[in-house]
C-alpha cells in the first residue's frame, strides 16, 4: 500500500498510516452490510471476512463487493466465484493483491480487492442478489490501512489567511 497525502493549493498535507481491525455490527436478518470511512481519513481495505448463513428459501444468493462514494456505487461490484445455495453456511473473504482460497462445502473462494483508497464518507460492503428474509450475515471483520490527515486545521487556517491577505492587497 502506498503512502497518501491530501493535495491542497500549496502542496500535500501528509497522512499518518494506522492499521485497524474493524468489527462490523451484525445486521438484521435479510439485510446486507456496509461500513463508512470516518471523516478525516482515507482507507485502503486490506481484507475482510464474513459469514453468511442462508435460510430455506430456494434461491442462489450472489454476493458482490459494493463501494459507494456515500451516494452512488463507484464499482462494478466484484462477485464471488460461486453463488451460495439455500440452507448453507459460507465464509466469504477478500484481500488486496491476492485471492483467498477455499475448500469444502462451507468455504467459498474470495475476491481480490481494489488497491485504491476510499475517501471519508465512502462505504465498503456487500450487496447480495436474491438475499432472503431469513439469511443472516455475521462475524464481519475488516482490516484497513487508515490514513489520518494530521494538521489539516492549521493548513486550512493558513490558506484562509493567505486568501484574505491577497484580497486585501488587491484593494
Foldseek 3Di string as FASTA:
>chain_A
DDFDFPDDPVGTQGWDWDKDKDFFDWDAFLDWDKDFAAAQKKKFWFKKKKKKAAAQPFDFKKKWKFKFLLPGTPDPTHTFPGTQGHGAMEMEMEGAPDKADDDDDHYGIYYHDDGDIRHGNMMITMDMPPRDRRMTMHPIMIIITMIGGPPVVVVVVVVVVVVVVVVVVVD
